[in-house]
């Protein structure tokens, strides 16, 4: 009998989603749906509530380390798969949506992708957007991880990737896990070095963006590029 009740509950959640999307869903219900992708016959409601309580928000659950997720009773590898595959698909969708689009005209969509991809990371990620001569996005590549410094970001590798992608211009992007979007001295130093390296081969630098939660700092807007 309990299994029948669980099955009916899961079907109601699916029907509700198919009818009106995520409107009206509690965050724990969204997490529950994702957990059941991995274990479709298992009751995941309490595990979903526990995950939300532990991490504090839907996005924090989606970004959580798999080992931390599995500390919650009822969440195993298959359930983690349900959470992580959904997150990966959404990132791929947002990325594909902006490829070949004008960087300036599509700036809102680009920032949506960057925030989704970087805002909840617990370490710094340095990403480069490669643009063609018409300012269309050719590719977005994550090049370095770790604290942004001259010892971690190599201008030679950035220039090599730019030449390999036949880029005419670049946009640098990195995140600040601290939540403070203001540039550090290391940020300023590495940006200057990258500018000099790009200028030597006639590649323009359009901007350097810092993502800190939902805040975005633009070097260009602040007269630093």
N, C-alpha and C. Protein backbone atom coordinates (compact mmCIF):
# COMPACT_ATOMS: atom_id res chain seq x y z
N UNK A 1 0.81 -1.22 0.00
CA UNK A 1 0.00 0.00 0.00
C UNK A 1 0.85 1.28 0.00
N UNK A 2 1.89 1.37 0.87
CA UNK A 2 2.74 2.56 0.86
C UNK A 2 3.36 2.81 -0.51
N UNK A 3 3.79 1.72 -1.19
CA UNK A 3 4.40 1.89 -2.52
C UNK A 3 3.41 2.49 -3.50
N UNK A 4 2.14 2.06 -3.42
CA UNK A 4 1.12 2.61 -4.30
C UNK A 4 0.91 4.09 -4.01
N UNK A 5 0.90 4.46 -2.72
CA UNK A 5 0.75 5.86 -2.35
C UNK A 5 1.92 6.71 -2.86
N UNK A 6 3.15 6.15 -2.73
CA UNK A 6 4.33 6.86 -3.22
C UNK A 6 4.27 7.06 -4.72
N UNK A 7 3.86 5.99 -5.41
CA UNK A 7 3.76 6.06 -6.87
C UNK A 7 2.74 7.11 -7.29
N UNK A 8 1.63 7.16 -6.57
CA UNK A 8 0.60 8.14 -6.88
C UNK A 8 1.08 9.56 -6.62
N UNK A 9 1.84 9.74 -5.56
CA UNK A 9 2.40 11.06 -5.23
C UNK A 9 3.37 11.52 -6.31
N UNK A 10 4.27 10.61 -6.73
CA UNK A 10 5.25 10.98 -7.75
C UNK A 10 4.55 11.31 -9.06
N UNK A 11 3.51 10.54 -9.41
CA UNK A 11 2.79 10.80 -10.65
C UNK A 11 2.08 12.16 -10.59
N UNK A 12 1.57 12.51 -9.42
CA UNK A 12 0.92 13.82 -9.28
C UNK A 12 1.92 14.96 -9.49
N UNK A 13 3.13 14.77 -8.97
CA UNK A 13 4.17 15.79 -9.17
C UNK A 13 4.51 15.91 -10.65
N UNK A 14 4.64 14.78 -11.32
CA UNK A 14 4.97 14.81 -12.75
C UNK A 14 3.85 15.46 -13.55
N UNK A 15 2.62 15.10 -13.24
CA UNK A 15 1.47 15.67 -13.95
C UNK A 15 1.40 17.18 -13.73
N UNK A 16 1.68 17.58 -12.49
CA UNK A 16 1.66 19.00 -12.15
C UNK A 16 2.71 19.76 -12.97
N UNK A 17 3.89 19.16 -13.10
CA UNK A 17 4.95 19.80 -13.88
C UNK A 17 4.58 19.89 -15.35
N UNK A 18 4.07 18.79 -15.93
CA UNK A 18 3.71 18.78 -17.34
C UNK A 18 2.59 19.77 -17.65
N UNK A 19 1.76 20.03 -16.67
CA UNK A 19 0.63 20.95 -16.88
C UNK A 19 1.04 22.41 -16.80
N UNK A 20 1.89 22.75 -15.81
CA UNK A 20 2.20 24.17 -15.61
C UNK A 20 3.66 24.46 -15.29
N UNK A 21 4.56 23.54 -15.64
CA UNK A 21 5.97 23.77 -15.35
C UNK A 21 6.23 23.77 -13.85
N UNK A 22 7.17 24.61 -13.43
CA UNK A 22 7.55 24.64 -12.01
C UNK A 22 6.74 25.66 -11.21
N UNK A 23 5.82 26.34 -11.86
CA UNK A 23 4.97 27.30 -11.14
C UNK A 23 4.20 26.57 -10.04
N UNK A 24 4.26 27.10 -8.84
CA UNK A 24 3.52 26.51 -7.72
C UNK A 24 4.26 25.40 -7.02
N UNK A 25 5.44 25.02 -7.49
CA UNK A 25 6.24 23.99 -6.84
C UNK A 25 7.03 24.59 -5.68
N UNK A 26 7.06 23.88 -4.57
CA UNK A 26 7.99 24.22 -3.51
C UNK A 26 9.38 23.74 -3.93
N UNK A 27 10.43 24.37 -3.38
CA UNK A 27 11.79 23.96 -3.74
C UNK A 27 12.03 22.49 -3.41
N UNK A 28 11.51 22.03 -2.28
CA UNK A 28 11.75 20.62 -1.92
C UNK A 28 11.08 19.68 -2.91
N UNK A 29 9.96 20.11 -3.53
CA UNK A 29 9.29 19.26 -4.51
C UNK A 29 10.12 19.16 -5.80
N UNK A 30 10.79 20.26 -6.15
CA UNK A 30 11.67 20.22 -7.32
C UNK A 30 12.83 19.26 -7.06
N UNK A 31 13.41 19.38 -5.87
CA UNK A 31 14.52 18.48 -5.51
C UNK A 31 14.04 17.03 -5.50
N UNK A 32 12.85 16.82 -4.97
CA UNK A 32 12.28 15.47 -4.93
C UNK A 32 12.14 14.89 -6.33
N UNK A 33 11.63 15.69 -7.25
CA UNK A 33 11.49 15.22 -8.64
C UNK A 33 12.84 14.82 -9.23
N UNK A 34 13.86 15.64 -8.98
CA UNK A 34 15.19 15.34 -9.52
C UNK A 34 15.79 14.09 -8.89
N UNK A 35 15.57 13.92 -7.60
CA UNK A 35 16.09 12.72 -6.92
C UNK A 35 15.45 11.45 -7.47
N UNK A 36 14.16 11.53 -7.83
CA UNK A 36 13.46 10.34 -8.33
C UNK A 36 13.89 9.97 -9.74
N UNK A 37 14.62 10.85 -10.43
CA UNK A 37 15.17 10.46 -11.74
C UNK A 37 16.12 9.28 -11.58
N UNK A 38 16.84 9.26 -10.45
CA UNK A 38 17.79 8.18 -10.20
C UNK A 38 17.15 6.96 -9.57
N UNK A 39 16.13 7.16 -8.74
CA UNK A 39 15.45 6.03 -8.07
C UNK A 39 13.94 6.24 -8.20
N UNK A 40 13.38 5.94 -9.36
CA UNK A 40 11.98 6.26 -9.65
C UNK A 40 10.95 5.56 -8.77
N UNK A 41 11.32 4.48 -8.09
CA UNK A 41 10.35 3.74 -7.27
C UNK A 41 10.52 4.04 -5.77
N UNK A 42 11.42 4.97 -5.48
CA UNK A 42 11.74 5.24 -4.08
C UNK A 42 11.10 6.56 -3.62
N UNK A 43 10.63 6.61 -2.39
CA UNK A 43 10.09 7.83 -1.83
C UNK A 43 11.25 8.76 -1.45
N UNK A 44 11.35 9.89 -2.14
CA UNK A 44 12.47 10.82 -1.93
C UNK A 44 12.05 12.12 -1.25
N UNK A 45 10.82 12.17 -0.79
CA UNK A 45 10.29 13.42 -0.24
C UNK A 45 11.08 13.89 0.98
N UNK A 46 11.30 13.01 1.94
CA UNK A 46 12.00 13.42 3.15
C UNK A 46 13.46 13.74 2.86
N UNK A 47 14.06 12.96 1.98
CA UNK A 47 15.45 13.24 1.61
C UNK A 47 15.57 14.62 0.97
N UNK A 48 14.59 14.97 0.15
CA UNK A 48 14.58 16.29 -0.49
C UNK A 48 14.47 17.39 0.55
N UNK A 49 13.58 17.21 1.51
CA UNK A 49 13.42 18.21 2.57
C UNK A 49 14.70 18.34 3.40
N UNK A 50 15.33 17.20 3.68
CA UNK A 50 16.57 17.21 4.46
C UNK A 50 17.69 17.93 3.70
N UNK A 51 17.75 17.69 2.39
CA UNK A 51 18.77 18.34 1.57
C UNK A 51 18.58 19.85 1.57
N UNK A 52 17.34 20.28 1.43
CA UNK A 52 17.04 21.71 1.42
C UNK A 52 17.39 22.35 2.76
N UNK A 53 17.09 21.63 3.83
CA UNK A 53 17.39 22.13 5.17
C UNK A 53 18.90 22.23 5.38
N UNK A 54 19.62 21.23 4.89
CA UNK A 54 21.08 21.18 5.09
C UNK A 54 21.81 22.27 4.31
N UNK A 55 21.40 22.48 3.05
CA UNK A 55 22.14 23.40 2.19
C UNK A 55 21.50 24.79 2.07
N UNK A 56 20.22 24.88 2.43
CA UNK A 56 19.62 26.20 2.54
C UNK A 56 18.84 26.74 1.36
N UNK A 57 19.10 26.22 0.15
CA UNK A 57 18.38 26.71 -1.02
C UNK A 57 18.46 25.69 -2.14
N UNK A 58 17.60 25.85 -3.12
CA UNK A 58 17.60 24.94 -4.28
C UNK A 58 18.92 25.00 -5.01
N UNK A 59 19.41 26.20 -5.29
CA UNK A 59 20.66 26.32 -6.04
C UNK A 59 21.85 25.74 -5.25
N UNK A 60 21.81 25.88 -3.92
CA UNK A 60 22.90 25.32 -3.11
C UNK A 60 22.88 23.80 -3.15
N UNK A 61 21.69 23.20 -3.19
CA UNK A 61 21.59 21.75 -3.33
C UNK A 61 22.16 21.31 -4.67
N UNK A 62 21.80 22.02 -5.74
CA UNK A 62 22.28 21.65 -7.07
C UNK A 62 23.79 21.78 -7.19
N UNK A 63 24.37 22.76 -6.47
CA UNK A 63 25.81 22.98 -6.54
C UNK A 63 26.60 22.17 -5.52
N UNK A 64 25.91 21.48 -4.63
CA UNK A 64 26.60 20.80 -3.53
C UNK A 64 27.52 19.69 -4.02
N UNK A 65 28.58 19.49 -3.29
CA UNK A 65 29.51 18.41 -3.59
C UNK A 65 28.80 17.06 -3.42
N UNK A 66 28.99 16.13 -4.36
CA UNK A 66 28.32 14.83 -4.27
C UNK A 66 28.55 14.11 -2.95
N UNK A 67 29.75 14.21 -2.42
CA UNK A 67 30.04 13.53 -1.15
C UNK A 67 29.21 14.11 0.00
N UNK A 68 28.95 15.42 -0.04
CA UNK A 68 28.13 16.06 0.98
C UNK A 68 26.66 15.67 0.81
N UNK A 69 26.22 15.57 -0.44
CA UNK A 69 24.84 15.15 -0.71
C UNK A 69 24.59 13.75 -0.16
N UNK A 70 25.58 12.88 -0.34
CA UNK A 70 25.40 11.48 0.07
C UNK A 70 25.47 11.29 1.58
N UNK A 71 25.78 12.35 2.31
CA UNK A 71 25.72 12.28 3.76
C UNK A 71 24.27 12.29 4.25
N UNK A 72 23.35 12.68 3.37
CA UNK A 72 21.93 12.74 3.72
C UNK A 72 21.30 11.37 3.55
N UNK A 73 20.60 10.92 4.54
CA UNK A 73 19.96 9.61 4.49
C UNK A 73 19.02 9.51 3.30
N UNK A 74 19.19 8.45 2.50
CA UNK A 74 18.32 8.23 1.36
C UNK A 74 18.85 8.76 0.04
N UNK A 75 19.98 9.49 0.08
CA UNK A 75 20.56 9.99 -1.17
C UNK A 75 21.83 9.22 -1.47
N UNK A 76 21.82 8.54 -2.62
CA UNK A 76 22.98 7.78 -3.07
C UNK A 76 23.46 8.26 -4.43
N UNK A 77 24.32 7.47 -5.04
CA UNK A 77 24.91 7.86 -6.33
C UNK A 77 23.85 8.11 -7.40
N UNK A 78 22.82 7.27 -7.44
CA UNK A 78 21.79 7.42 -8.46
C UNK A 78 21.00 8.70 -8.27
N UNK A 79 20.76 9.08 -7.03
CA UNK A 79 20.05 10.33 -6.76
C UNK A 79 20.90 11.54 -7.12
N UNK A 80 22.20 11.47 -6.80
CA UNK A 80 23.12 12.54 -7.16
C UNK A 80 23.14 12.72 -8.67
N UNK A 81 23.09 11.60 -9.39
CA UNK A 81 23.02 11.68 -10.86
C UNK A 81 21.82 12.52 -11.30
N UNK A 82 20.67 12.30 -10.68
CA UNK A 82 19.47 13.05 -11.06
C UNK A 82 19.64 14.54 -10.86
N UNK A 83 20.32 14.94 -9.79
CA UNK A 83 20.57 16.36 -9.52
C UNK A 83 21.59 16.94 -10.49
N UNK A 84 22.69 16.22 -10.69
CA UNK A 84 23.81 16.77 -11.46
C UNK A 84 23.55 16.76 -12.97
N UNK A 85 22.82 15.79 -13.48
CA UNK A 85 22.56 15.76 -14.93
C UNK A 85 21.66 16.92 -15.31
N UNK A 86 20.72 17.24 -14.44
CA UNK A 86 19.82 18.37 -14.70
C UNK A 86 20.59 19.68 -14.72
N UNK A 87 21.48 19.84 -13.76
CA UNK A 87 22.30 21.04 -13.68
C UNK A 87 23.19 21.17 -14.92
N UNK A 88 23.80 20.05 -15.34
CA UNK A 88 24.69 20.08 -16.50
C UNK A 88 23.93 20.40 -17.79
N UNK A 89 22.74 19.84 -17.92
CA UNK A 89 21.93 20.10 -19.12
C UNK A 89 21.54 21.58 -19.18
N UNK A 90 21.17 22.16 -18.05
CA UNK A 90 20.77 23.57 -18.05
C UNK A 90 21.94 24.46 -18.42
N UNK A 91 23.14 24.12 -17.96
CA UNK A 91 24.32 24.90 -18.33
C UNK A 91 24.63 24.77 -19.82
N UNK A 92 24.52 23.55 -20.33
CA UNK A 92 24.76 23.35 -21.77
C UNK A 92 23.74 24.13 -22.59
N UNK A 93 22.49 24.12 -22.15
CA UNK A 93 21.43 24.86 -22.85
C UNK A 93 21.74 26.35 -22.88
N UNK A 94 22.10 26.92 -21.72
CA UNK A 94 22.39 28.35 -21.67
C UNK A 94 23.62 28.70 -22.49
N UNK A 95 24.61 27.82 -22.50
CA UNK A 95 25.81 28.05 -23.29
C UNK A 95 25.50 28.01 -24.79
N UNK A 96 24.79 26.97 -25.22
CA UNK A 96 24.46 26.83 -26.65
C UNK A 96 23.59 27.98 -27.14
N UNK A 97 22.79 28.55 -26.23
CA UNK A 97 21.87 29.62 -26.62
C UNK A 97 22.61 30.89 -27.03
N UNK A 98 23.84 31.09 -26.54
CA UNK A 98 24.55 32.34 -26.85
C UNK A 98 25.66 32.17 -27.88
N UNK A 99 26.04 30.93 -28.20
CA UNK A 99 27.07 30.73 -29.21
C UNK A 99 26.59 31.31 -30.54
N UNK A 100 27.47 32.03 -31.21
CA UNK A 100 27.24 32.70 -32.51
C UNK A 100 26.40 33.97 -32.40
N UNK A 101 26.01 34.35 -31.18
CA UNK A 101 25.27 35.60 -31.01
C UNK A 101 26.23 36.74 -30.71
N UNK A 102 25.77 37.96 -31.03
CA UNK A 102 26.55 39.15 -30.75
C UNK A 102 26.69 39.32 -29.23
N UNK A 103 27.93 39.49 -28.77
CA UNK A 103 28.19 39.56 -27.33
C UNK A 103 27.46 40.72 -26.67
N UNK A 104 27.47 41.89 -27.32
CA UNK A 104 26.84 43.07 -26.73
C UNK A 104 25.32 42.95 -26.77
N UNK A 105 24.78 42.62 -27.92
CA UNK A 105 23.32 42.55 -28.06
C UNK A 105 22.71 41.43 -27.22
N UNK A 106 23.49 40.42 -26.95
CA UNK A 106 22.98 39.28 -26.18
C UNK A 106 23.55 39.28 -24.76
N UNK A 107 23.92 40.45 -24.26
CA UNK A 107 24.63 40.52 -22.98
C UNK A 107 23.81 39.94 -21.82
N UNK A 108 22.49 40.14 -21.84
CA UNK A 108 21.67 39.59 -20.75
C UNK A 108 21.72 38.07 -20.73
N UNK A 109 21.64 37.45 -21.92
CA UNK A 109 21.69 35.99 -22.00
C UNK A 109 23.07 35.48 -21.60
N UNK A 110 24.12 36.20 -22.00
CA UNK A 110 25.48 35.80 -21.63
C UNK A 110 25.65 35.87 -20.12
N UNK A 111 25.16 36.94 -19.51
CA UNK A 111 25.29 37.07 -18.05
C UNK A 111 24.46 36.01 -17.33
N UNK A 112 23.30 35.65 -17.88
CA UNK A 112 22.52 34.55 -17.29
C UNK A 112 23.35 33.28 -17.23
N UNK A 113 24.02 32.98 -18.34
CA UNK A 113 24.85 31.78 -18.40
C UNK A 113 26.00 31.87 -17.39
N UNK A 114 26.69 33.02 -17.38
CA UNK A 114 27.86 33.17 -16.52
C UNK A 114 27.48 33.08 -15.04
N UNK A 115 26.39 33.73 -14.66
CA UNK A 115 25.94 33.65 -13.27
C UNK A 115 25.58 32.22 -12.90
N UNK A 116 24.84 31.56 -13.77
CA UNK A 116 24.42 30.18 -13.49
C UNK A 116 25.63 29.27 -13.35
N UNK A 117 26.65 29.53 -14.15
CA UNK A 117 27.80 28.64 -14.20
C UNK A 117 28.82 28.92 -13.09
N UNK A 118 28.89 30.18 -12.61
CA UNK A 118 29.99 30.55 -11.75
C UNK A 118 29.62 31.02 -10.34
N UNK A 119 28.39 31.50 -10.14
CA UNK A 119 28.10 32.22 -8.90
C UNK A 119 28.21 31.38 -7.64
N UNK A 120 27.99 30.07 -7.74
CA UNK A 120 27.99 29.25 -6.53
C UNK A 120 29.23 28.38 -6.38
N UNK A 121 30.23 28.61 -7.23
CA UNK A 121 31.46 27.84 -7.12
C UNK A 121 32.21 28.25 -5.84
N UNK A 122 32.84 27.27 -5.21
CA UNK A 122 33.55 27.58 -3.97
C UNK A 122 35.04 27.83 -4.21
N UNK A 123 35.45 27.87 -5.47
CA UNK A 123 36.82 28.27 -5.81
C UNK A 123 36.77 29.10 -7.09
N UNK A 124 37.82 29.87 -7.31
CA UNK A 124 37.81 30.77 -8.46
C UNK A 124 38.01 30.00 -9.78
N UNK A 125 37.21 30.37 -10.76
CA UNK A 125 37.28 29.80 -12.10
C UNK A 125 37.56 30.95 -13.06
N UNK A 126 38.52 30.78 -13.96
CA UNK A 126 38.84 31.79 -14.97
C UNK A 126 38.41 31.27 -16.33
N UNK A 127 37.51 32.02 -16.96
CA UNK A 127 36.89 31.61 -18.22
C UNK A 127 37.15 32.68 -19.27
N UNK A 128 37.35 32.26 -20.52
CA UNK A 128 37.57 33.21 -21.61
C UNK A 128 36.48 33.03 -22.67
N UNK A 129 35.91 34.16 -23.09
CA UNK A 129 34.94 34.17 -24.19
C UNK A 129 35.68 34.64 -25.43
N UNK A 130 35.67 33.84 -26.47
CA UNK A 130 36.34 34.16 -27.73
C UNK A 130 35.32 34.73 -28.72
N UNK A 131 35.65 35.89 -29.30
CA UNK A 131 34.75 36.57 -30.24
C UNK A 131 35.40 36.68 -31.61
N UNK A 132 34.56 36.64 -32.66
CA UNK A 132 35.08 36.86 -34.00
C UNK A 132 35.05 38.36 -34.32
N UNK A 133 35.36 38.71 -35.57
CA UNK A 133 35.43 40.11 -35.96
C UNK A 133 34.11 40.84 -35.92
N UNK A 134 33.02 40.11 -35.84
CA UNK A 134 31.68 40.73 -35.77
C UNK A 134 31.14 40.71 -34.33
N UNK A 135 32.03 40.44 -33.39
CA UNK A 135 31.67 40.36 -31.96
C UNK A 135 30.73 39.21 -31.64
N UNK A 136 30.68 38.21 -32.51
CA UNK A 136 29.88 37.02 -32.23
C UNK A 136 30.70 36.05 -31.38
N UNK A 137 30.03 35.38 -30.47
CA UNK A 137 30.71 34.44 -29.58
C UNK A 137 31.05 33.16 -30.33
N UNK A 138 32.33 32.85 -30.39
CA UNK A 138 32.80 31.62 -31.03
C UNK A 138 32.75 30.46 -30.04
N UNK A 139 33.24 30.75 -28.84
CA UNK A 139 33.42 29.68 -27.86
C UNK A 139 33.63 30.29 -26.49
N UNK A 140 33.28 29.55 -25.44
CA UNK A 140 33.57 29.94 -24.07
C UNK A 140 34.32 28.79 -23.41
N UNK A 141 35.49 29.09 -22.89
CA UNK A 141 36.36 28.03 -22.38
C UNK A 141 36.84 28.34 -20.97
N UNK A 142 36.68 27.38 -20.07
CA UNK A 142 37.22 27.49 -18.72
C UNK A 142 38.69 27.08 -18.78
N UNK A 143 39.60 28.02 -18.48
CA UNK A 143 41.02 27.76 -18.66
C UNK A 143 41.77 27.47 -17.37
N UNK A 144 41.41 28.14 -16.28
CA UNK A 144 42.18 27.98 -15.05
C UNK A 144 41.26 27.90 -13.84
N UNK A 145 41.75 27.24 -12.79
CA UNK A 145 41.04 27.16 -11.52
C UNK A 145 42.00 27.51 -10.40
N UNK A 146 41.48 28.18 -9.40
CA UNK A 146 42.31 28.55 -8.26
C UNK A 146 42.34 30.06 -8.11
N UNK A 147 43.05 30.55 -7.11
CA UNK A 147 43.13 31.99 -6.87
C UNK A 147 43.74 32.68 -8.08
N UNK A 148 43.12 33.78 -8.50
CA UNK A 148 43.57 34.48 -9.69
C UNK A 148 44.85 35.24 -9.38
N UNK A 149 45.95 34.79 -9.98
CA UNK A 149 47.23 35.45 -9.78
C UNK A 149 48.10 35.18 -11.00
N UNK A 150 49.19 35.90 -11.08
CA UNK A 150 50.09 35.71 -12.22
C UNK A 150 50.69 34.31 -12.24
N UNK A 151 50.67 33.62 -11.12
CA UNK A 151 51.22 32.27 -11.08
C UNK A 151 50.19 31.22 -11.49
N UNK A 152 48.91 31.63 -11.56
CA UNK A 152 47.85 30.68 -11.89
C UNK A 152 47.29 30.87 -13.31
N UNK A 153 47.32 32.12 -13.83
CA UNK A 153 46.78 32.41 -15.15
C UNK A 153 47.95 32.70 -16.09
N UNK A 154 48.05 31.91 -17.15
CA UNK A 154 49.19 32.01 -18.04
C UNK A 154 48.79 32.70 -19.35
N UNK A 155 49.28 33.93 -19.57
CA UNK A 155 48.94 34.64 -20.81
C UNK A 155 49.27 33.82 -22.06
N UNK A 156 50.33 33.04 -22.02
CA UNK A 156 50.72 32.25 -23.20
C UNK A 156 49.61 31.27 -23.59
N UNK A 157 48.97 30.64 -22.58
CA UNK A 157 47.90 29.69 -22.87
C UNK A 157 46.66 30.41 -23.40
N UNK A 158 46.37 31.59 -22.85
CA UNK A 158 45.23 32.37 -23.33
C UNK A 158 45.43 32.75 -24.80
N UNK A 159 46.63 33.22 -25.14
CA UNK A 159 46.92 33.62 -26.52
C UNK A 159 46.90 32.43 -27.46
N UNK A 160 47.41 31.29 -27.01
CA UNK A 160 47.37 30.08 -27.83
C UNK A 160 45.94 29.70 -28.16
N UNK A 161 45.08 29.72 -27.16
CA UNK A 161 43.67 29.38 -27.37
C UNK A 161 43.00 30.40 -28.30
N UNK A 162 43.36 31.67 -28.15
CA UNK A 162 42.80 32.72 -29.01
C UNK A 162 43.18 32.48 -30.47
N UNK A 163 44.43 32.13 -30.71
CA UNK A 163 44.89 31.85 -32.08
C UNK A 163 44.25 30.57 -32.62
N UNK A 164 44.14 29.55 -31.78
CA UNK A 164 43.52 28.29 -32.21
C UNK A 164 42.07 28.51 -32.61
N UNK A 165 41.39 29.46 -31.96
CA UNK A 165 39.97 29.72 -32.25
C UNK A 165 39.77 30.87 -33.23
N UNK A 166 40.91 31.39 -33.77
CA UNK A 166 40.85 32.49 -34.73
C UNK A 166 40.04 33.66 -34.19
N UNK A 167 40.27 33.99 -32.92
CA UNK A 167 39.51 35.05 -32.25
C UNK A 167 40.06 36.43 -32.61
N UNK A 168 39.15 37.39 -32.73
CA UNK A 168 39.53 38.78 -32.97
C UNK A 168 39.48 39.59 -31.67
N UNK A 169 38.73 39.09 -30.70
CA UNK A 169 38.59 39.79 -29.42
C UNK A 169 38.30 38.78 -28.32
N UNK A 170 38.56 39.21 -27.08
CA UNK A 170 38.38 38.33 -25.91
C UNK A 170 37.63 39.06 -24.81
N UNK A 171 36.91 38.28 -24.03
CA UNK A 171 36.32 38.76 -22.78
C UNK A 171 36.75 37.79 -21.69
N UNK A 172 37.34 38.31 -20.63
CA UNK A 172 37.75 37.47 -19.51
C UNK A 172 36.65 37.48 -18.44
N UNK A 173 36.47 36.35 -17.80
CA UNK A 173 35.45 36.23 -16.77
C UNK A 173 36.01 35.38 -15.63
N UNK A 174 35.82 35.82 -14.41
CA UNK A 174 36.10 34.93 -13.29
C UNK A 174 35.15 35.26 -12.14
N UNK A 175 35.09 34.37 -11.18
CA UNK A 175 34.16 34.52 -10.05
C UNK A 175 34.90 34.84 -8.77
N UNK A 176 34.19 35.45 -7.86
CA UNK A 176 34.69 35.69 -6.51
C UNK A 176 33.79 34.95 -5.52
N UNK A 177 34.21 33.79 -5.04
CA UNK A 177 33.40 33.03 -4.08
C UNK A 177 33.09 33.82 -2.80
N UNK A 178 33.90 34.82 -2.51
CA UNK A 178 33.69 35.62 -1.30
C UNK A 178 32.39 36.42 -1.35
N UNK A 179 31.88 36.67 -2.56
CA UNK A 179 30.68 37.48 -2.71
C UNK A 179 30.96 38.95 -2.95
N UNK A 180 32.23 39.35 -2.86
CA UNK A 180 32.63 40.74 -3.12
C UNK A 180 33.09 40.85 -4.56
N UNK A 181 32.38 41.65 -5.36
CA UNK A 181 32.68 41.71 -6.79
C UNK A 181 33.81 42.68 -7.15
N UNK A 182 34.30 43.45 -6.19
CA UNK A 182 35.36 44.41 -6.50
C UNK A 182 36.67 43.70 -6.86
N UNK A 183 37.39 44.22 -7.85
CA UNK A 183 38.64 43.55 -8.27
C UNK A 183 39.74 43.69 -7.22
N UNK A 184 40.52 42.64 -7.08
CA UNK A 184 41.68 42.66 -6.19
C UNK A 184 42.88 43.19 -6.97
N UNK A 185 43.98 43.42 -6.28
CA UNK A 185 45.19 43.85 -6.97
C UNK A 185 45.67 42.78 -7.93
N UNK A 186 45.54 41.51 -7.55
CA UNK A 186 45.91 40.42 -8.47
C UNK A 186 45.05 40.46 -9.72
N UNK A 187 43.75 40.75 -9.56
CA UNK A 187 42.87 40.86 -10.72
C UNK A 187 43.36 41.94 -11.67
N UNK A 188 43.73 43.08 -11.11
CA UNK A 188 44.21 44.20 -11.92
C UNK A 188 45.53 43.85 -12.61
N UNK A 189 46.43 43.19 -11.88
CA UNK A 189 47.74 42.86 -12.44
C UNK A 189 47.63 41.87 -13.60
N UNK A 190 46.83 40.81 -13.41
CA UNK A 190 46.75 39.80 -14.46
C UNK A 190 46.01 40.34 -15.68
N UNK A 191 45.04 41.21 -15.45
CA UNK A 191 44.32 41.81 -16.58
C UNK A 191 45.28 42.65 -17.42
N UNK A 192 46.15 43.40 -16.78
CA UNK A 192 47.13 44.21 -17.50
C UNK A 192 48.07 43.33 -18.31
N UNK A 193 48.54 42.24 -17.72
CA UNK A 193 49.44 41.33 -18.42
C UNK A 193 48.75 40.69 -19.62
N UNK A 194 47.49 40.30 -19.45
CA UNK A 194 46.74 39.70 -20.55
C UNK A 194 46.48 40.71 -21.67
N UNK A 195 46.19 41.94 -21.28
CA UNK A 195 45.99 43.00 -22.27
C UNK A 195 47.24 43.19 -23.12
N UNK A 196 48.38 43.25 -22.46
CA UNK A 196 49.64 43.45 -23.17
C UNK A 196 49.94 42.29 -24.11
N UNK A 197 49.67 41.07 -23.66
CA UNK A 197 49.92 39.90 -24.49
C UNK A 197 49.00 39.89 -25.72
N UNK A 198 47.74 40.23 -25.53
CA UNK A 198 46.78 40.24 -26.63
C UNK A 198 47.10 41.35 -27.63
N UNK A 199 47.50 42.50 -27.11
CA UNK A 199 47.81 43.65 -27.97
C UNK A 199 48.96 43.33 -28.91
N UNK A 200 49.90 42.50 -28.44
CA UNK A 200 51.08 42.18 -29.26
C UNK A 200 50.73 41.41 -30.52
N UNK A 201 49.54 40.78 -30.54
CA UNK A 201 49.11 40.05 -31.74
C UNK A 201 47.79 40.60 -32.28
N UNK A 202 47.51 41.87 -31.95
CA UNK A 202 46.34 42.60 -32.49
C UNK A 202 45.00 41.95 -32.14
N UNK A 203 44.89 41.41 -30.95
CA UNK A 203 43.61 40.90 -30.45
C UNK A 203 43.10 41.87 -29.39
N UNK A 204 41.84 42.28 -29.51
CA UNK A 204 41.26 43.24 -28.59
C UNK A 204 40.74 42.56 -27.32
N UNK A 205 40.78 43.27 -26.23
CA UNK A 205 40.15 42.83 -24.98
C UNK A 205 38.93 43.72 -24.75
N UNK A 206 37.75 43.17 -24.81
CA UNK A 206 36.53 43.95 -24.65
C UNK A 206 36.17 44.19 -23.18
N UNK A 207 36.45 43.20 -22.33
CA UNK A 207 36.04 43.37 -20.93
C UNK A 207 36.64 42.27 -20.08
N UNK A 208 36.61 42.51 -18.80
CA UNK A 208 36.90 41.48 -17.79
C UNK A 208 35.77 41.58 -16.79
N UNK A 209 35.02 40.50 -16.64
CA UNK A 209 33.85 40.48 -15.77
C UNK A 209 34.15 39.65 -14.52
N UNK A 210 33.71 40.16 -13.38
CA UNK A 210 33.81 39.42 -12.12
C UNK A 210 32.40 39.08 -11.66
N UNK A 211 32.14 37.79 -11.47
CA UNK A 211 30.84 37.32 -11.01
C UNK A 211 30.93 37.02 -9.51
N UNK A 212 30.08 37.66 -8.73
CA UNK A 212 30.04 37.43 -7.28
C UNK A 212 28.58 37.30 -6.89
N UNK A 213 28.09 36.08 -6.77
CA UNK A 213 26.67 35.87 -6.56
C UNK A 213 25.90 36.38 -7.76
N UNK A 214 24.97 37.28 -7.55
CA UNK A 214 24.24 37.89 -8.66
C UNK A 214 24.80 39.24 -9.07
N UNK A 215 25.92 39.65 -8.44
CA UNK A 215 26.56 40.91 -8.80
C UNK A 215 27.62 40.68 -9.88
N UNK A 216 27.73 41.65 -10.78
CA UNK A 216 28.72 41.57 -11.85
C UNK A 216 29.50 42.88 -11.89
N UNK A 217 30.82 42.78 -11.85
CA UNK A 217 31.70 43.95 -11.98
C UNK A 217 32.33 43.91 -13.37
N UNK A 218 32.22 45.03 -14.10
CA UNK A 218 32.78 45.14 -15.44
C UNK A 218 33.97 46.08 -15.42
N UNK A 219 35.13 45.58 -15.85
CA UNK A 219 36.32 46.43 -15.95
C UNK A 219 36.09 47.54 -16.98
N UNK A 220 35.42 47.22 -18.07
CA UNK A 220 35.17 48.20 -19.12
C UNK A 220 34.27 49.32 -18.61
N UNK A 221 33.20 48.96 -17.92
CA UNK A 221 32.27 49.96 -17.42
C UNK A 221 32.92 50.88 -16.39
N UNK A 222 33.96 50.38 -15.72
CA UNK A 222 34.64 51.16 -14.70
C UNK A 222 35.95 51.79 -15.19
N UNK A 223 36.11 51.79 -16.52
CA UNK A 223 37.26 52.46 -17.12
C UNK A 223 38.60 51.79 -16.91
N UNK A 224 38.59 50.49 -16.60
CA UNK A 224 39.84 49.77 -16.35
C UNK A 224 40.34 49.02 -17.58
N UNK A 225 39.55 49.01 -18.65
CA UNK A 225 39.95 48.43 -19.93
C UNK A 225 39.58 49.40 -21.03
